[in-house]
């Protein structure tokens, strides 16, 4: 791996490129507010964006886009766009993204520059790593917590598991909307 890229992007350097995975597992609320399980194919593109300056803060990052399709279907059931950022001084990995259902999220966590496993967290109401949703989602499927763990398996494979915890009317417990997949590099 390019030493300059590693110096700039820390643990995110391994993600630069285009990735695909067809073993995705999604557990989500069904239309009747029960549970549905979906197997999916996913393509993620991570493109280095260079240095981003916020006065004395210096970030490096990856612009990314995800498209997921249920196995056997042509139309996407999930898309998102955003940025993964590395703050070397603070040892923070950040993921900032928007889902076209009306959700914007910034998740973050501490990691070492050479970490091959790192976790991010966002919570509703947080001033730093938080969630913002439209009125319908806040009423029917309020995201109260988001957790993500990324594991770099080797230079050509990584795995992620995310748990979006939803508060739904009529339920005393949180619904754990989970997604996970193992992706393989298709291009650098």
Protein backbone atom coordinates (compact mmCIF):
# COMPACT_ATOMS: atom_id res chain seq x y z
CA UNK A 1 0.00 0.00 0.00
CA UNK A 2 1.19 3.52 -0.82
CA UNK A 3 3.02 4.93 2.25
CA UNK A 4 1.76 8.49 1.61
CA UNK A 5 -1.83 7.25 1.50
CA UNK A 6 -1.35 5.41 4.80
CA UNK A 7 0.21 8.50 6.39
CA UNK A 8 -2.74 10.64 5.28
CA UNK A 9 -5.68 8.27 5.77
CA UNK A 10 -4.55 6.14 8.73
CA UNK A 11 -6.81 3.10 9.08
CA UNK A 12 -8.98 4.28 6.15
CA UNK A 13 -6.15 3.85 3.62
CA UNK A 14 -6.99 0.16 3.17
CA UNK A 15 -10.49 1.09 1.95
CA UNK A 16 -9.49 3.21 -1.07
CA UNK A 17 -10.88 1.58 -4.22
CA UNK A 18 -14.02 -0.16 -5.43
CA UNK A 19 -15.49 -3.09 -3.50
CA UNK A 20 -18.29 -5.60 -4.04
CA UNK A 21 -19.95 -8.21 -1.87
CA UNK A 22 -22.88 -10.53 -2.47
CA UNK A 23 -23.24 -12.07 0.97
CA UNK A 24 -24.95 -9.09 2.59
CA UNK A 25 -27.50 -9.71 5.35
CA UNK A 26 -30.04 -7.05 6.29
CA UNK A 27 -32.55 -7.31 9.15
CA UNK A 28 -35.03 -4.43 8.94
CA UNK A 29 -38.57 -3.41 9.88
CA UNK A 30 -41.09 -4.84 7.44
CA UNK A 31 -44.02 -2.84 6.04
CA UNK A 32 -46.28 -4.19 8.82
CA UNK A 33 -43.68 -3.16 11.47
CA UNK A 34 -42.53 -6.75 11.93
CA UNK A 35 -39.14 -8.04 10.82
CA UNK A 36 -37.87 -8.78 7.34
CA UNK A 37 -34.56 -10.30 6.31
CA UNK A 38 -32.90 -9.45 3.01
CA UNK A 39 -29.84 -10.93 1.32
CA UNK A 40 -28.11 -8.33 -0.82
CA UNK A 41 -25.33 -7.48 -3.26
CA UNK A 42 -23.44 -4.27 -2.54
CA UNK A 43 -20.96 -2.04 -4.35
CA UNK A 44 -18.98 0.61 -2.45
CA UNK A 45 -16.63 3.13 -4.04
CA UNK A 46 -14.07 4.93 -1.84
CA UNK A 47 -12.18 7.77 -3.54
CA UNK A 48 -9.40 9.75 -1.74
CA UNK A 49 -10.23 13.47 -1.58
CA UNK A 50 -6.98 14.87 -0.19
CA UNK A 51 -6.55 17.34 2.63
CA UNK A 52 -9.47 19.14 4.25
CA UNK A 53 -8.59 22.06 6.56
CA UNK A 54 -10.76 23.44 9.37
CA UNK A 55 -8.39 26.19 10.55
CA UNK A 56 -5.78 24.23 12.57
CA UNK A 57 -7.61 20.91 12.17
CA UNK A 58 -6.41 18.81 9.23
CA UNK A 59 -8.49 15.91 7.96
CA UNK A 60 -7.95 13.47 5.13
CA UNK A 61 -10.76 11.47 3.70
CA UNK A 62 -12.52 9.24 1.26
CA UNK A 63 -15.60 10.26 -0.70
CA UNK A 64 -17.85 7.22 -0.86
CA UNK A 65 -21.03 5.90 -2.40
CA UNK A 66 -22.88 2.67 -1.62
CA UNK A 67 -25.55 0.94 -3.68
CA UNK A 68 -27.23 -2.25 -2.39
CA UNK A 69 -29.64 -4.50 -4.28
CA UNK A 70 -31.57 -7.46 -2.94
CA UNK A 71 -30.34 -10.67 -4.52
CA UNK A 72 -32.36 -11.22 -7.69
CA UNK A 73 -33.61 -7.62 -7.98
CA UNK A 74 -32.36 -4.92 -10.35
CA UNK A 75 -33.41 -1.80 -8.43
CA UNK A 76 -31.48 -0.65 -5.36
CA UNK A 77 -33.18 -0.95 -1.98
CA UNK A 78 -30.51 1.13 -0.26
CA UNK A 79 -28.13 3.89 -1.28
CA UNK A 80 -25.95 6.33 0.63
CA UNK A 81 -23.30 8.94 -0.09
CA UNK A 82 -20.84 10.67 2.16
CA UNK A 83 -17.32 10.85 3.51
CA UNK A 84 -15.07 8.78 5.72
CA UNK A 85 -12.55 11.08 7.44
CA UNK A 86 -9.36 10.59 9.44
CA UNK A 87 -8.28 13.10 12.10
CA UNK A 88 -4.72 12.00 12.88
CA UNK A 89 -4.20 14.48 15.73
CA UNK A 90 -7.29 13.28 17.58
CA UNK A 91 -7.00 9.63 16.42
CA UNK A 92 -10.61 9.83 15.23
CA UNK A 93 -12.30 8.02 12.35
CA UNK A 94 -15.49 9.76 11.19
CA UNK A 95 -18.21 8.63 8.83
CA UNK A 96 -20.55 11.35 7.57
CA UNK A 97 -23.37 10.18 5.32
CA UNK A 98 -26.84 10.78 3.97
CA UNK A 99 -29.46 8.16 3.13
CA UNK A 100 -32.19 9.29 0.70
CA UNK A 101 -34.88 8.37 3.19
CA UNK A 102 -34.20 11.63 5.03
CA UNK A 103 -31.40 10.66 7.44
CA UNK A 104 -28.02 12.35 7.94
CA UNK A 105 -25.52 10.90 10.35
CA UNK A 106 -22.02 11.56 11.69
CA UNK A 107 -20.47 8.63 13.54
CA UNK A 108 -17.02 8.59 15.08
CA UNK A 109 -14.59 6.61 17.14
CA UNK A 110 -11.00 6.40 18.28
CA UNK A 111 -8.50 4.30 16.33
CA UNK A 112 -4.78 3.96 15.86
CA UNK A 113 -3.37 4.82 12.41
CA UNK A 114 -2.56 1.16 11.69
CA UNK A 115 -5.77 -0.31 13.14
CA UNK A 116 -7.36 -3.14 11.19
CA UNK A 117 -10.48 -3.10 13.38
CA UNK A 118 -12.28 0.07 14.41
CA UNK A 119 -15.73 0.98 15.69
CA UNK A 120 -17.85 4.09 15.26
CA UNK A 121 -20.85 5.33 17.21
CA UNK A 122 -23.56 7.97 16.81
CA UNK A 123 -26.40 8.77 19.21
CA UNK A 124 -29.52 10.87 18.87
CA UNK A 125 -29.06 14.21 20.62
CA UNK A 126 -25.25 14.16 20.55
CA UNK A 127 -23.53 17.42 19.66
CA UNK A 128 -20.61 15.59 18.05
CA UNK A 129 -21.50 12.16 16.70
CA UNK A 130 -25.23 12.25 16.10
CA UNK A 131 -28.26 11.59 13.94
CA UNK A 132 -30.69 13.92 12.18
CA UNK A 133 -33.89 12.52 10.62
CA UNK A 134 -37.03 13.79 8.95
CA UNK A 135 -40.30 14.13 10.90
CA UNK A 136 -41.81 10.84 9.70
CA UNK A 137 -38.74 8.83 10.71
CA UNK A 138 -38.52 10.50 14.12
CA UNK A 139 -42.16 9.57 14.74
CA UNK A 140 -42.16 6.03 13.31
CA UNK A 141 -38.54 4.77 13.21
CA UNK A 142 -36.39 7.08 15.35
CA UNK A 143 -32.71 6.22 15.19
CA UNK A 144 -31.47 6.50 18.78
CA UNK A 145 -28.09 4.83 18.32
CA UNK A 146 -25.89 3.70 15.45
CA UNK A 147 -22.92 1.35 15.88
CA UNK A 148 -20.50 0.21 13.18
CA UNK A 149 -17.49 -2.08 13.31
CA UNK A 150 -15.14 -2.41 10.33
CA UNK A 151 -12.61 -5.24 10.12
CA UNK A 152 -9.90 -5.15 7.45
CA UNK A 153 -9.40 -8.86 6.73
CA UNK A 154 -6.53 -8.44 4.25
CA UNK A 155 -5.57 -6.07 1.43
CA UNK A 156 -8.47 -7.28 -0.72
CA UNK A 157 -11.28 -7.97 1.76
CA UNK A 158 -13.06 -6.17 4.56
CA UNK A 159 -16.12 -6.87 6.68
CA UNK A 160 -18.52 -4.51 8.38
CA UNK A 161 -21.39 -4.92 10.80
CA UNK A 162 -23.74 -2.09 11.66
CA UNK A 163 -26.58 -1.88 14.15
CA UNK A 164 -29.05 0.97 13.74
CA UNK A 165 -31.20 0.97 16.87
CA UNK A 166 -34.72 2.22 16.22
CA UNK A 167 -37.42 3.38 18.60
CA UNK A 168 -40.81 2.45 17.13
CA UNK A 169 -44.33 3.21 18.43
CA UNK A 170 -45.94 0.30 20.25
CA UNK A 171 -42.62 -1.35 21.14
CA UNK A 172 -41.00 -1.17 24.56
CA UNK A 173 -37.70 -2.50 23.18
CA UNK A 174 -35.46 -1.07 20.49
CA UNK A 175 -35.54 -2.63 17.03
CA UNK A 176 -32.03 -3.60 15.92
CA UNK A 177 -31.83 -2.90 12.20
CA UNK A 178 -28.61 -4.71 11.31
CA UNK A 179 -26.57 -4.93 8.14
CA UNK A 180 -23.36 -6.78 7.46
CA UNK A 181 -21.31 -7.84 4.51
CA UNK A 182 -17.85 -8.98 3.48
CA UNK A 183 -16.60 -7.09 0.44
CA UNK A 184 -13.82 -7.85 -2.01
CA UNK A 185 -11.73 -5.26 -3.84
CA UNK A 186 -12.55 -5.11 -7.56
CA UNK A 187 -10.28 -2.12 -8.43
CA UNK A 188 -7.75 0.09 -6.68
